[in-house]
Amino acid sequence: MTRWKPLPAGTTPQVQDLVDRLRELKDQAGISTVALARKTAYSRSSWVRCFNGRTVPPRSVVETFGEVAGLSGADQARLLALWELADQAQTEPRPTQELEPATEVAAQGVSDVWWRRRWTWIAVVVAAVVVGVVGVVAWQVSTAGRPSPASALVSVAPAGYSCDYSKRDSKWYAGHSTTSTRLVVLNAGSDDVVEVQCLLTYHHLDPGRIDGLFGKRTEQAVKQLQSSAGIPVDGQVGPQTWALLRT
């Protein structure tokens, strides 16, 4: 396994999540940066900067990377979701000479398509956020607190997946998973993660976007919950933490 350098100071959590995942997939696939340059048309030096957290590659390059790494459809979608967050968080413009000279002309056409798709994606996300905010406000006004009947059901869409809260046998559920034992940790991606993120939001903690990806912000929210309850703070969701989330 590659001994990776620490990321630069000031790297945003979103970029760090993407780089961590790309490093993990590179190690699993056992592929060199030279081979990646051949297969993705993204220069070796560009991949080095990417793995060192100094640049975020274009979406088309990340898509090709996922194919090279052998990702399934769901895993590919999660990787692209990480890329979207990292791309939005990146404040510095990309260097103009990222691609090898032989691929610059083709890359320009890819870039044009990418920008059109990006604006479509942004419009969808903004619409989801607006719907989520309206749902949360309506819920807070109508309930003035947590719903008390065991059969109460509230639908909330903070951003990404919706959270359908209900209470059964004195435990809270958000409509995505019923487990109270499965271990959920950093970089996991599943319905269990969506359930964790929804329940963290219910407890007035901020896991970031509810997207089913257990990133740094979700881990930090879990640690806050554990710290406030006086249990070991490890950022992992096991039986003890599930019990807190479902209370």
Foldseek 3Di string as FASTA:
>chain_A
DDDADDADPPQDQLLVLLLVVLVVLCVVLVDALCVLCVQQQWHSVLVVCSNNSNDQDALSSLLSSCVSSPHDPVVSVVSSVSSLSSVVPDDDDDDPPGGDPVCVVVVVVVVVVSVVVNVVVVVVQVVLQVQQVVQVVVVCVVPVADDDDQADWGWGRNTADIFIWGHDPQWIWRPQDDDLFDKDAAQFAGSVQLRLQNLLVVVVAHQDHSHRGRTPSVLVSLQVLCVVVVHDRDSMRGNVSSVSSTD
